[in-house]
Every structure is written in C-alpha cells, then in structure tokens.
Amino acid sequence: MARILRYRPKTDKDGMRVGGAEGIVFVVIVLGLIFGVRYYFTVYVKSAGYALSAFVGAVKAGNPEIQYGMLVADEQGNIGSVKNYEKQVPLGRGYATRIENFSITEEKPNPQDPSEVTLKASVTLRGAATGKQLYQSSSQSVTDSYVLRKDAKGEWKISLAKSNLGILQATPNPPGDPIGNGN
C-alpha cells in the first residue's frame, strides 16, 4: 500500500537561455577584450617605455646581444660588434641578476625632434656580494635618464651617449663572477 515515488527532474525544452541583460554584459566583456588586445599589440608594444623595459630586462639577464641590438645605429657603428660592446660598456654583463626593481617615472618628448624621447627611470640594484656573507646584503637606488630615438623602421632604440646613467655609479660585477659573466 505504500507507493514508491520516483523523482523526475523537469527538463527545459529550450535549454539554458541568456536574457537581454546577460547578453549585453557578454558583449561588453568581449568588446573590452578585443580592444585591450588591440591596444597591447598596436600601441603598448611599440612604445618607448616598452623598449626601455626590454633593454633593462636584457641588462638584468646579462644578455649583451639584445642590448647591442637595441642601440641606435650610430653607436653600433662606433662600438663595432657585440664582443666590443661586452668589453667596453659595463652594462653588457656587469649588472646581471642585480636589478631588483625598475620603474619609469617620467616620459618627456623632445620638442625639437618628435622622434626622440627622454625617459627617467628609478632602478634599485642589489649590492655587490664580493667579500660579504649572505646576510650582509644591501641595495642601492639610482635614477637614470635614457634617451630613445626612432630608427628608420619606426622602432625605439637606446642612445647611451645621450643618456645619463646613474646605474654606472654602482660597482659592476667582477670579471670572474660566474653569475654576472654568463659562464
């Protein structure tokens, strides 16, 4: 006399529906993503700040090939080769793994030359560890002023001759350092 009831979920004929408000939200999100990706690849990647960040990243990695490739053509001609750059300019491998923080503080275009811009940057360097214990680490903050120029292709290149590099005030890695010299 007991009757067993079985639960049967109700099925919706049309499945899940998206209402008007949800549709508008989805469209706004998709449009925001499209414009964000478009901005990143058409504006930000081609900016002077992005080029400077790539250069400082190469300094931090101790990669003189990328650094040399980002110099203006005049300076590349004066230096001659990547090997000469590595020997003559302390940025080549001298500050590898020592840059802790880097931020661009000011961008100032040149009023006489629209293809030239000066970027001020704040760089925090880890102190040299030569002759110190691990717990005796220190850091030093410097302010650099980099001059970037557009080349014939429209890409931003670094002009070290016109730049005021405060990073050179810090002692570079010693020549036999296995971390800083890529050995």
N, C-alpha and C. Protein backbone atom coordinates (compact mmCIF):
# COMPACT_ATOMS: atom_id res chain seq x y z
N MET A 1 0.77 -1.15 0.00
CA MET A 1 0.00 0.00 0.00
C MET A 1 0.85 1.26 0.00
N ALA A 2 2.06 1.01 0.27
CA ALA A 2 2.92 2.16 0.15
C ALA A 2 3.28 2.34 -1.32
N ARG A 3 3.31 3.50 -1.65
CA ARG A 3 3.58 3.80 -3.04
C ARG A 3 4.97 4.44 -3.15
N ILE A 4 5.77 3.96 -4.06
CA ILE A 4 7.11 4.50 -4.24
C ILE A 4 7.05 5.58 -5.32
N LEU A 5 7.48 6.75 -4.90
CA LEU A 5 7.51 7.86 -5.85
C LEU A 5 8.94 8.08 -6.33
N ARG A 6 9.07 8.26 -7.56
CA ARG A 6 10.39 8.49 -8.14
C ARG A 6 10.46 9.95 -8.58
N TYR A 7 11.59 10.58 -8.23
CA TYR A 7 11.76 11.99 -8.61
C TYR A 7 12.26 12.05 -10.04
N ARG A 8 11.57 12.80 -10.82
CA ARG A 8 11.99 13.03 -12.20
C ARG A 8 12.17 14.53 -12.40
N PRO A 9 13.42 14.91 -12.67
CA PRO A 9 13.64 16.34 -12.88
C PRO A 9 12.94 16.82 -14.14
N LYS A 10 12.46 18.03 -14.04
CA LYS A 10 11.79 18.60 -15.21
C LYS A 10 12.84 19.05 -16.21
N THR A 11 12.61 18.74 -17.43
CA THR A 11 13.54 19.16 -18.48
C THR A 11 12.98 20.40 -19.16
N ASP A 12 13.91 21.31 -19.43
CA ASP A 12 13.53 22.54 -20.11
C ASP A 12 13.64 22.28 -21.61
N LYS A 13 12.65 22.65 -22.33
CA LYS A 13 12.63 22.37 -23.76
C LYS A 13 13.72 23.16 -24.50
N ASP A 14 13.96 24.38 -24.07
CA ASP A 14 14.87 25.24 -24.80
C ASP A 14 16.29 25.25 -24.22
N GLY A 15 16.57 24.54 -23.17
CA GLY A 15 17.89 24.56 -22.56
C GLY A 15 18.10 25.84 -21.77
N MET A 16 19.33 26.22 -21.57
CA MET A 16 19.62 27.42 -20.82
C MET A 16 19.50 28.63 -21.74
N ARG A 17 18.81 29.63 -21.28
CA ARG A 17 18.62 30.84 -22.08
C ARG A 17 19.42 31.98 -21.49
N VAL A 18 19.90 32.83 -22.37
CA VAL A 18 20.59 34.03 -21.95
C VAL A 18 19.63 35.18 -22.20
N GLY A 19 19.37 35.90 -21.12
CA GLY A 19 18.45 37.02 -21.23
C GLY A 19 19.13 38.24 -21.82
N GLY A 20 18.39 39.30 -21.95
CA GLY A 20 18.89 40.53 -22.54
C GLY A 20 20.03 41.15 -21.75
N ALA A 21 19.89 41.21 -20.43
CA ALA A 21 20.92 41.83 -19.59
C ALA A 21 22.22 41.02 -19.64
N GLU A 22 22.11 39.71 -19.58
CA GLU A 22 23.30 38.87 -19.65
C GLU A 22 23.97 39.00 -21.01
N GLY A 23 23.21 39.09 -22.06
CA GLY A 23 23.75 39.25 -23.41
C GLY A 23 24.54 40.54 -23.55
N ILE A 24 24.02 41.62 -22.97
CA ILE A 24 24.73 42.91 -23.03
C ILE A 24 26.05 42.82 -22.27
N VAL A 25 26.04 42.17 -21.11
CA VAL A 25 27.27 42.02 -20.33
C VAL A 25 28.30 41.20 -21.11
N PHE A 26 27.88 40.12 -21.74
CA PHE A 26 28.80 39.31 -22.54
C PHE A 26 29.39 40.11 -23.70
N VAL A 27 28.58 40.91 -24.37
CA VAL A 27 29.06 41.70 -25.49
C VAL A 27 30.07 42.74 -25.00
N VAL A 28 29.80 43.39 -23.87
CA VAL A 28 30.73 44.39 -23.33
C VAL A 28 32.06 43.73 -22.95
N ILE A 29 32.01 42.56 -22.34
CA ILE A 29 33.24 41.85 -21.97
C ILE A 29 34.05 41.48 -23.20
N VAL A 30 33.41 40.95 -24.22
CA VAL A 30 34.12 40.56 -25.44
C VAL A 30 34.71 41.78 -26.13
N LEU A 31 33.96 42.88 -26.21
CA LEU A 31 34.49 44.10 -26.82
C LEU A 31 35.67 44.65 -26.02
N GLY A 32 35.60 44.60 -24.69
CA GLY A 32 36.71 45.04 -23.85
C GLY A 32 37.96 44.21 -24.09
N LEU A 33 37.80 42.90 -24.22
CA LEU A 33 38.94 42.03 -24.51
C LEU A 33 39.53 42.33 -25.89
N ILE A 34 38.69 42.54 -26.87
CA ILE A 34 39.18 42.84 -28.22
C ILE A 34 39.95 44.15 -28.23
N PHE A 35 39.42 45.20 -27.63
CA PHE A 35 40.10 46.49 -27.60
C PHE A 35 41.37 46.43 -26.75
N GLY A 36 41.36 45.66 -25.67
CA GLY A 36 42.55 45.52 -24.84
C GLY A 36 43.69 44.83 -25.58
N VAL A 37 43.39 43.75 -26.29
CA VAL A 37 44.41 43.04 -27.06
C VAL A 37 44.91 43.92 -28.20
N ARG A 38 43.99 44.63 -28.85
CA ARG A 38 44.38 45.53 -29.95
C ARG A 38 45.29 46.64 -29.43
N TYR A 39 44.98 47.24 -28.29
CA TYR A 39 45.81 48.29 -27.69
C TYR A 39 47.19 47.75 -27.35
N TYR A 40 47.24 46.57 -26.77
CA TYR A 40 48.52 45.99 -26.36
C TYR A 40 49.45 45.82 -27.56
N PHE A 41 48.93 45.25 -28.65
CA PHE A 41 49.80 44.95 -29.78
C PHE A 41 50.03 46.14 -30.71
N THR A 42 49.13 47.10 -30.77
CA THR A 42 49.33 48.22 -31.70
C THR A 42 49.91 49.46 -31.04
N VAL A 43 49.72 49.64 -29.75
CA VAL A 43 50.21 50.85 -29.08
C VAL A 43 51.31 50.54 -28.07
N TYR A 44 51.02 49.70 -27.09
CA TYR A 44 51.93 49.49 -25.98
C TYR A 44 53.25 48.84 -26.41
N VAL A 45 53.20 47.80 -27.23
CA VAL A 45 54.41 47.08 -27.64
C VAL A 45 55.31 47.97 -28.49
N LYS A 46 54.75 48.99 -29.13
CA LYS A 46 55.53 49.88 -29.97
C LYS A 46 55.90 51.18 -29.26
N SER A 47 55.73 51.23 -27.94
CA SER A 47 56.02 52.46 -27.19
C SER A 47 57.47 52.49 -26.71
N ALA A 48 57.93 53.68 -26.37
CA ALA A 48 59.29 53.86 -25.87
C ALA A 48 59.48 53.17 -24.51
N GLY A 49 58.46 53.22 -23.67
CA GLY A 49 58.55 52.58 -22.36
C GLY A 49 58.73 51.07 -22.46
N TYR A 50 58.07 50.46 -23.42
CA TYR A 50 58.20 49.02 -23.62
C TYR A 50 59.62 48.69 -24.10
N ALA A 51 60.17 49.51 -25.01
CA ALA A 51 61.53 49.28 -25.50
C ALA A 51 62.54 49.43 -24.37
N LEU A 52 62.35 50.44 -23.53
CA LEU A 52 63.27 50.62 -22.41
C LEU A 52 63.17 49.47 -21.42
N SER A 53 61.97 48.99 -21.17
CA SER A 53 61.80 47.84 -20.28
C SER A 53 62.51 46.60 -20.84
N ALA A 54 62.44 46.41 -22.15
CA ALA A 54 63.14 45.28 -22.77
C ALA A 54 64.65 45.43 -22.64
N PHE A 55 65.15 46.65 -22.79
CA PHE A 55 66.59 46.90 -22.66
C PHE A 55 67.05 46.61 -21.23
N VAL A 56 66.33 47.13 -20.25
CA VAL A 56 66.71 46.90 -18.85
C VAL A 56 66.57 45.42 -18.49
N GLY A 57 65.58 44.75 -19.07
CA GLY A 57 65.46 43.31 -18.87
C GLY A 57 66.67 42.56 -19.42
N ALA A 58 67.21 43.02 -20.55
CA ALA A 58 68.42 42.41 -21.11
C ALA A 58 69.64 42.71 -20.23
N VAL A 59 69.69 43.90 -19.62
CA VAL A 59 70.77 44.22 -18.69
C VAL A 59 70.67 43.30 -17.47
N LYS A 60 69.46 43.11 -16.98
CA LYS A 60 69.26 42.25 -15.81
C LYS A 60 69.63 40.80 -16.13
N ALA A 61 69.34 40.36 -17.35
CA ALA A 61 69.65 38.99 -17.74
C ALA A 61 71.12 38.83 -18.13
N GLY A 62 71.83 39.93 -18.30
CA GLY A 62 73.23 39.85 -18.72
C GLY A 62 73.37 39.40 -20.16
N ASN A 63 72.48 39.90 -21.03
CA ASN A 63 72.46 39.49 -22.43
C ASN A 63 72.95 40.64 -23.31
N PRO A 64 74.24 40.69 -23.63
CA PRO A 64 74.76 41.81 -24.42
C PRO A 64 74.28 41.81 -25.87
N GLU A 65 73.88 40.66 -26.40
CA GLU A 65 73.40 40.61 -27.79
C GLU A 65 72.13 41.43 -27.95
N ILE A 66 71.19 41.26 -27.04
CA ILE A 66 69.93 42.02 -27.12
C ILE A 66 70.20 43.50 -26.86
N GLN A 67 71.06 43.79 -25.88
CA GLN A 67 71.39 45.19 -25.57
C GLN A 67 72.00 45.88 -26.78
N TYR A 68 72.95 45.22 -27.42
CA TYR A 68 73.61 45.79 -28.59
C TYR A 68 72.61 46.00 -29.73
N GLY A 69 71.69 45.08 -29.90
CA GLY A 69 70.68 45.20 -30.95
C GLY A 69 69.70 46.34 -30.71
N MET A 70 69.59 46.81 -29.47
CA MET A 70 68.66 47.89 -29.15
C MET A 70 69.32 49.26 -29.15
N LEU A 71 70.60 49.33 -29.51
CA LEU A 71 71.29 50.62 -29.58
C LEU A 71 71.01 51.28 -30.93
N VAL A 72 71.12 52.62 -30.97
CA VAL A 72 70.96 53.34 -32.23
C VAL A 72 72.09 52.94 -33.17
N ALA A 73 71.86 53.08 -34.46
CA ALA A 73 72.82 52.62 -35.47
C ALA A 73 74.17 53.33 -35.35
N ASP A 74 74.19 54.62 -34.99
CA ASP A 74 75.45 55.36 -34.85
C ASP A 74 76.34 54.70 -33.80
N GLU A 75 75.77 54.36 -32.68
CA GLU A 75 76.55 53.77 -31.59
C GLU A 75 76.97 52.35 -31.92
N GLN A 76 76.13 51.62 -32.63
CA GLN A 76 76.53 50.28 -33.06
C GLN A 76 77.73 50.36 -33.99
N GLY A 77 77.74 51.37 -34.87
CA GLY A 77 78.88 51.56 -35.76
C GLY A 77 80.14 51.94 -35.02
N ASN A 78 80.02 52.78 -33.99
CA ASN A 78 81.18 53.19 -33.20
C ASN A 78 81.75 52.04 -32.38
N ILE A 79 80.87 51.21 -31.83
CA ILE A 79 81.32 50.09 -30.99
C ILE A 79 81.88 48.96 -31.85
N GLY A 80 81.19 48.65 -32.91
CA GLY A 80 81.68 47.65 -33.85
C GLY A 80 81.01 46.30 -33.77
N SER A 81 81.06 45.64 -32.62
CA SER A 81 80.49 44.30 -32.50
C SER A 81 79.97 44.07 -31.09
N VAL A 82 79.28 42.95 -30.94
CA VAL A 82 78.75 42.59 -29.62
C VAL A 82 79.90 42.32 -28.65
N LYS A 83 80.97 41.70 -29.12
CA LYS A 83 82.14 41.42 -28.25
C LYS A 83 82.74 42.72 -27.73
N ASN A 84 82.87 43.73 -28.61
CA ASN A 84 83.40 45.02 -28.17
C ASN A 84 82.45 45.69 -27.18
N TYR A 85 81.14 45.58 -27.43
CA TYR A 85 80.14 46.16 -26.52
C TYR A 85 80.29 45.52 -25.14
N GLU A 86 80.44 44.22 -25.12
CA GLU A 86 80.55 43.49 -23.86
C GLU A 86 81.79 43.93 -23.08
N LYS A 87 82.89 44.22 -23.79
CA LYS A 87 84.13 44.62 -23.13
C LYS A 87 84.14 46.10 -22.74
N GLN A 88 83.58 46.97 -23.59
CA GLN A 88 83.68 48.41 -23.39
C GLN A 88 82.61 48.98 -22.47
N VAL A 89 81.40 48.44 -22.53
CA VAL A 89 80.27 49.01 -21.78
C VAL A 89 79.97 48.11 -20.58
N PRO A 90 80.03 48.65 -19.37
CA PRO A 90 79.77 47.82 -18.18
C PRO A 90 78.36 47.22 -18.13
N LEU A 91 77.41 47.81 -18.86
CA LEU A 91 76.06 47.26 -18.86
C LEU A 91 76.00 45.88 -19.49
N GLY A 92 76.97 45.53 -20.34
CA GLY A 92 76.96 44.26 -21.06
C GLY A 92 76.68 43.08 -20.16
N ARG A 93 77.50 42.87 -19.18
CA ARG A 93 77.28 41.79 -18.22
C ARG A 93 77.51 42.25 -16.78
N GLY A 94 77.87 43.49 -16.59
CA GLY A 94 78.27 43.98 -15.28
C GLY A 94 77.18 44.06 -14.24
N TYR A 95 75.92 44.09 -14.64
CA TYR A 95 74.83 44.23 -13.67
C TYR A 95 73.84 43.08 -13.77
N ALA A 96 74.29 41.96 -14.28
CA ALA A 96 73.42 40.80 -14.43
C ALA A 96 72.94 40.32 -13.07
N THR A 97 71.67 40.01 -12.96
CA THR A 97 70.99 39.49 -11.77
C THR A 97 70.99 40.46 -10.60
N ARG A 98 71.39 41.70 -10.79
CA ARG A 98 71.45 42.64 -9.67
C ARG A 98 70.31 43.64 -9.66
N ILE A 99 69.58 43.79 -10.74
CA ILE A 99 68.47 44.75 -10.77
C ILE A 99 67.28 44.13 -10.05
N GLU A 100 66.88 44.77 -8.95
CA GLU A 100 65.75 44.27 -8.16
C GLU A 100 64.44 44.86 -8.63
N ASN A 101 64.45 46.16 -8.95
CA ASN A 101 63.21 46.85 -9.31
C ASN A 101 63.54 47.93 -10.34
N PHE A 102 62.60 48.15 -11.23
CA PHE A 102 62.78 49.15 -12.27
C PHE A 102 61.43 49.78 -12.55
N SER A 103 61.36 51.11 -12.52
CA SER A 103 60.10 51.77 -12.85
C SER A 103 60.37 53.07 -13.60
N ILE A 104 59.56 53.31 -14.61
CA ILE A 104 59.68 54.54 -15.40
C ILE A 104 58.88 55.61 -14.67
N THR A 105 59.55 56.70 -14.34
CA THR A 105 58.89 57.73 -13.54
C THR A 105 58.39 58.90 -14.38
N GLU A 106 59.04 59.17 -15.52
CA GLU A 106 58.64 60.33 -16.30
C GLU A 106 59.02 60.12 -17.76
N GLU A 107 58.14 60.52 -18.67
CA GLU A 107 58.42 60.48 -20.11
C GLU A 107 58.32 61.89 -20.65
N LYS A 108 59.38 62.33 -21.33
CA LYS A 108 59.42 63.71 -21.80
C LYS A 108 59.83 63.73 -23.27
N PRO A 109 58.92 64.08 -24.19
CA PRO A 109 59.30 64.15 -25.60
C PRO A 109 60.16 65.38 -25.88
N ASN A 110 61.01 65.26 -26.86
CA ASN A 110 61.88 66.36 -27.27
C ASN A 110 61.07 67.31 -28.16
N PRO A 111 60.92 68.59 -27.80
CA PRO A 111 60.09 69.50 -28.60
C PRO A 111 60.67 69.78 -30.00
N GLN A 112 62.01 69.72 -30.16
CA GLN A 112 62.62 69.96 -31.47
C GLN A 112 62.56 68.73 -32.37
N ASP A 113 62.59 67.54 -31.78
CA ASP A 113 62.63 66.30 -32.55
C ASP A 113 61.55 65.35 -32.04
N PRO A 114 60.45 65.17 -32.78
CA PRO A 114 59.37 64.29 -32.30
C PRO A 114 59.75 62.81 -32.27
N SER A 115 60.85 62.45 -32.91
CA SER A 115 61.25 61.04 -32.91
C SER A 115 62.23 60.73 -31.77
N GLU A 116 62.34 61.64 -30.81
CA GLU A 116 63.24 61.43 -29.67
C GLU A 116 62.47 61.69 -28.38
N VAL A 117 62.69 60.84 -27.40
CA VAL A 117 62.02 60.97 -26.11
C VAL A 117 63.02 60.63 -25.00
N THR A 118 62.87 61.32 -23.86
CA THR A 118 63.70 61.06 -22.69
C THR A 118 62.82 60.41 -21.62
N LEU A 119 63.28 59.29 -21.10
CA LEU A 119 62.55 58.58 -20.05
C LEU A 119 63.41 58.56 -18.80
N LYS A 120 62.85 59.04 -17.71
CA LYS A 120 63.53 58.95 -16.41
C LYS A 120 63.06 57.66 -15.75
N ALA A 121 64.00 56.98 -15.14
CA ALA A 121 63.69 55.70 -14.53
C ALA A 121 64.38 55.58 -13.18
N SER A 122 63.71 54.90 -12.29
CA SER A 122 64.26 54.60 -10.97
C SER A 122 64.64 53.13 -10.95
N VAL A 123 65.91 52.85 -10.64
CA VAL A 123 66.42 51.48 -10.65
C VAL A 123 66.95 51.15 -9.26
N THR A 124 66.55 50.02 -8.72
CA THR A 124 67.06 49.53 -7.45
C THR A 124 67.97 48.34 -7.73
N LEU A 125 69.21 48.44 -7.28
CA LEU A 125 70.21 47.40 -7.50
C LEU A 125 70.56 46.71 -6.20
N ARG A 126 70.74 45.41 -6.29
CA ARG A 126 71.26 44.65 -5.16
C ARG A 126 72.75 44.94 -5.08
N GLY A 127 73.25 45.12 -3.90
CA GLY A 127 74.66 45.43 -3.72
C GLY A 127 75.55 44.28 -4.15
N ALA A 128 76.79 44.60 -4.48
CA ALA A 128 77.75 43.57 -4.87
C ALA A 128 78.03 42.67 -3.67
N ALA A 129 78.11 41.38 -3.90
CA ALA A 129 78.28 40.41 -2.82
C ALA A 129 79.73 40.02 -2.60
N THR A 130 80.65 40.70 -3.23
CA THR A 130 82.06 40.34 -3.12
C THR A 130 82.54 40.52 -1.69
N GLY A 131 83.03 39.45 -1.08
CA GLY A 131 83.60 39.51 0.25
C GLY A 131 82.58 39.67 1.36
N LYS A 132 81.30 39.39 1.10
CA LYS A 132 80.27 39.55 2.12
C LYS A 132 79.56 38.22 2.34
N GLN A 133 78.96 38.10 3.50
CA GLN A 133 78.13 36.94 3.80
C GLN A 133 76.73 37.18 3.23
N LEU A 134 75.93 36.14 3.14
CA LEU A 134 74.58 36.26 2.58
C LEU A 134 73.70 37.23 3.37
N TYR A 135 73.86 37.27 4.68
CA TYR A 135 73.02 38.13 5.49
C TYR A 135 73.46 39.59 5.46
N GLN A 136 74.55 39.91 4.77
CA GLN A 136 75.05 41.26 4.70
C GLN A 136 74.68 41.94 3.37
N SER A 137 73.56 41.59 2.82
CA SER A 137 73.17 42.16 1.53
C SER A 137 72.70 43.61 1.69
N SER A 138 72.86 44.37 0.63
CA SER A 138 72.43 45.76 0.64
C SER A 138 71.81 46.07 -0.71
N SER A 139 71.20 47.24 -0.80
CA SER A 139 70.64 47.66 -2.09
C SER A 139 70.91 49.14 -2.27
N GLN A 140 70.85 49.57 -3.51
CA GLN A 140 71.13 50.95 -3.85
C GLN A 140 70.13 51.39 -4.91
N SER A 141 69.55 52.57 -4.73
CA SER A 141 68.62 53.12 -5.71
C SER A 141 69.30 54.24 -6.48
N VAL A 142 69.13 54.20 -7.80
CA VAL A 142 69.69 55.23 -8.67
C VAL A 142 68.61 55.72 -9.62
N THR A 143 68.81 56.92 -10.14
CA THR A 143 67.88 57.47 -11.12
C THR A 143 68.63 57.61 -12.44
N ASP A 144 68.09 57.01 -13.46
CA ASP A 144 68.68 57.06 -14.80
C ASP A 144 67.80 57.91 -15.70
N SER A 145 68.41 58.46 -16.72
CA SER A 145 67.71 59.23 -17.73
C SER A 145 68.12 58.67 -19.08
N TYR A 146 67.23 57.94 -19.74
CA TYR A 146 67.52 57.29 -21.01
C TYR A 146 66.93 58.11 -22.16
N VAL A 147 67.70 58.24 -23.24
CA VAL A 147 67.22 58.92 -24.44
C VAL A 147 66.97 57.84 -25.48
N LEU A 148 65.76 57.82 -26.02
CA LEU A 148 65.39 56.85 -27.05
C LEU A 148 65.04 57.60 -28.32
N ARG A 149 65.45 57.03 -29.45
CA ARG A 149 65.14 57.61 -30.76
C ARG A 149 64.52 56.55 -31.64
N LYS A 150 63.66 56.99 -32.54
CA LYS A 150 63.08 56.06 -33.52
C LYS A 150 64.06 55.90 -34.67
N ASP A 151 64.19 54.65 -35.13
CA ASP A 151 65.04 54.41 -36.28
C ASP A 151 64.21 54.48 -37.56
N ALA A 152 64.79 54.09 -38.68
CA ALA A 152 64.11 54.18 -39.98
C ALA A 152 62.88 53.27 -40.04
N LYS A 153 62.86 52.19 -39.29
CA LYS A 153 61.72 51.27 -39.26
C LYS A 153 60.63 51.71 -38.30
N GLY A 154 60.89 52.75 -37.52
CA GLY A 154 59.91 53.23 -36.55
C GLY A 154 60.02 52.56 -35.20
N GLU A 155 61.11 51.83 -34.96
CA GLU A 155 61.31 51.16 -33.67
C GLU A 155 62.15 52.05 -32.77
N TRP A 156 61.88 52.00 -31.47
CA TRP A 156 62.62 52.80 -30.50
C TRP A 156 63.94 52.14 -30.20
N LYS A 157 65.02 52.93 -30.24
CA LYS A 157 66.37 52.46 -29.94
C LYS A 157 66.98 53.35 -28.87
N ILE A 158 67.88 52.79 -28.08
CA ILE A 158 68.52 53.48 -26.96
C ILE A 158 69.76 54.23 -27.46
N SER A 159 69.92 55.45 -27.00
CA SER A 159 71.13 56.22 -27.27
C SER A 159 71.88 56.38 -25.95
N LEU A 160 72.88 55.53 -25.73
CA LEU A 160 73.62 55.57 -24.47
C LEU A 160 74.48 56.82 -24.36
N ALA A 161 74.95 57.36 -25.49
CA ALA A 161 75.80 58.55 -25.47
C ALA A 161 75.04 59.76 -24.93
N LYS A 162 73.75 59.87 -25.22
CA LYS A 162 72.95 60.99 -24.75
C LYS A 162 72.31 60.72 -23.39
N SER A 163 72.32 59.48 -22.96
CA SER A 163 71.67 59.09 -21.71
C SER A 163 72.55 59.43 -20.51
N ASN A 164 71.89 59.68 -19.38
CA ASN A 164 72.59 59.92 -18.11
C ASN A 164 72.33 58.69 -17.24
N LEU A 165 73.32 57.81 -17.16
CA LEU A 165 73.13 56.53 -16.49
C LEU A 165 73.69 56.56 -15.08
N GLY A 166 72.80 56.64 -14.11
CA GLY A 166 73.20 56.58 -12.70
C GLY A 166 73.58 55.19 -12.28
N ILE A 167 73.16 54.18 -13.05
CA ILE A 167 73.47 52.79 -12.72
C ILE A 167 74.98 52.55 -12.76
N LEU A 168 75.70 53.34 -13.55
CA LEU A 168 77.15 53.16 -13.66
C LEU A 168 77.89 53.61 -12.39
N GLN A 169 77.19 54.31 -11.47
CA GLN A 169 77.79 54.70 -10.19
C GLN A 169 77.97 53.49 -9.28
N ALA A 170 77.12 52.47 -9.48
CA ALA A 170 77.23 51.25 -8.68
C ALA A 170 78.36 50.40 -9.23
N THR A 171 79.04 49.70 -8.35
CA THR A 171 80.14 48.84 -8.75
C THR A 171 79.60 47.66 -9.56
N PRO A 172 80.13 47.42 -10.76
CA PRO A 172 79.65 46.27 -11.54
C PRO A 172 80.17 44.95 -10.97
N ASN A 173 79.62 43.86 -11.47
CA ASN A 173 80.09 42.54 -11.07
C ASN A 173 81.55 42.38 -11.46
N PRO A 174 82.34 41.69 -10.65
CA PRO A 174 83.74 41.49 -11.02
C PRO A 174 83.85 40.60 -12.26
N PRO A 175 84.93 40.72 -13.03
CA PRO A 175 85.05 39.98 -14.28
C PRO A 175 84.98 38.47 -14.14
N GLY A 176 85.38 37.88 -13.05
CA GLY A 176 85.35 36.43 -12.90
C GLY A 176 84.08 35.89 -12.28
N ASP A 177 83.07 36.74 -12.08
CA ASP A 177 81.83 36.31 -11.42
C ASP A 177 81.08 35.36 -12.33
N PRO A 178 80.81 34.12 -11.88
CA PRO A 178 80.14 33.15 -12.76
C PRO A 178 78.70 33.51 -13.07
N ILE A 179 78.01 34.26 -12.20
CA ILE A 179 76.63 34.64 -12.46
C ILE A 179 76.58 35.80 -13.43
N GLY A 180 77.35 36.82 -13.16
CA GLY A 180 77.29 38.03 -13.97
C GLY A 180 77.98 37.94 -15.31
N ASN A 181 78.80 36.95 -15.54
CA ASN A 181 79.53 36.90 -16.79
C ASN A 181 79.09 35.75 -17.69
N GLY A 182 77.96 35.16 -17.40
CA GLY A 182 77.39 34.17 -18.28
C GLY A 182 78.19 32.88 -18.39
N ASN A 183 79.08 32.60 -17.46
CA ASN A 183 79.89 31.37 -17.53
C ASN A 183 79.17 30.23 -16.91
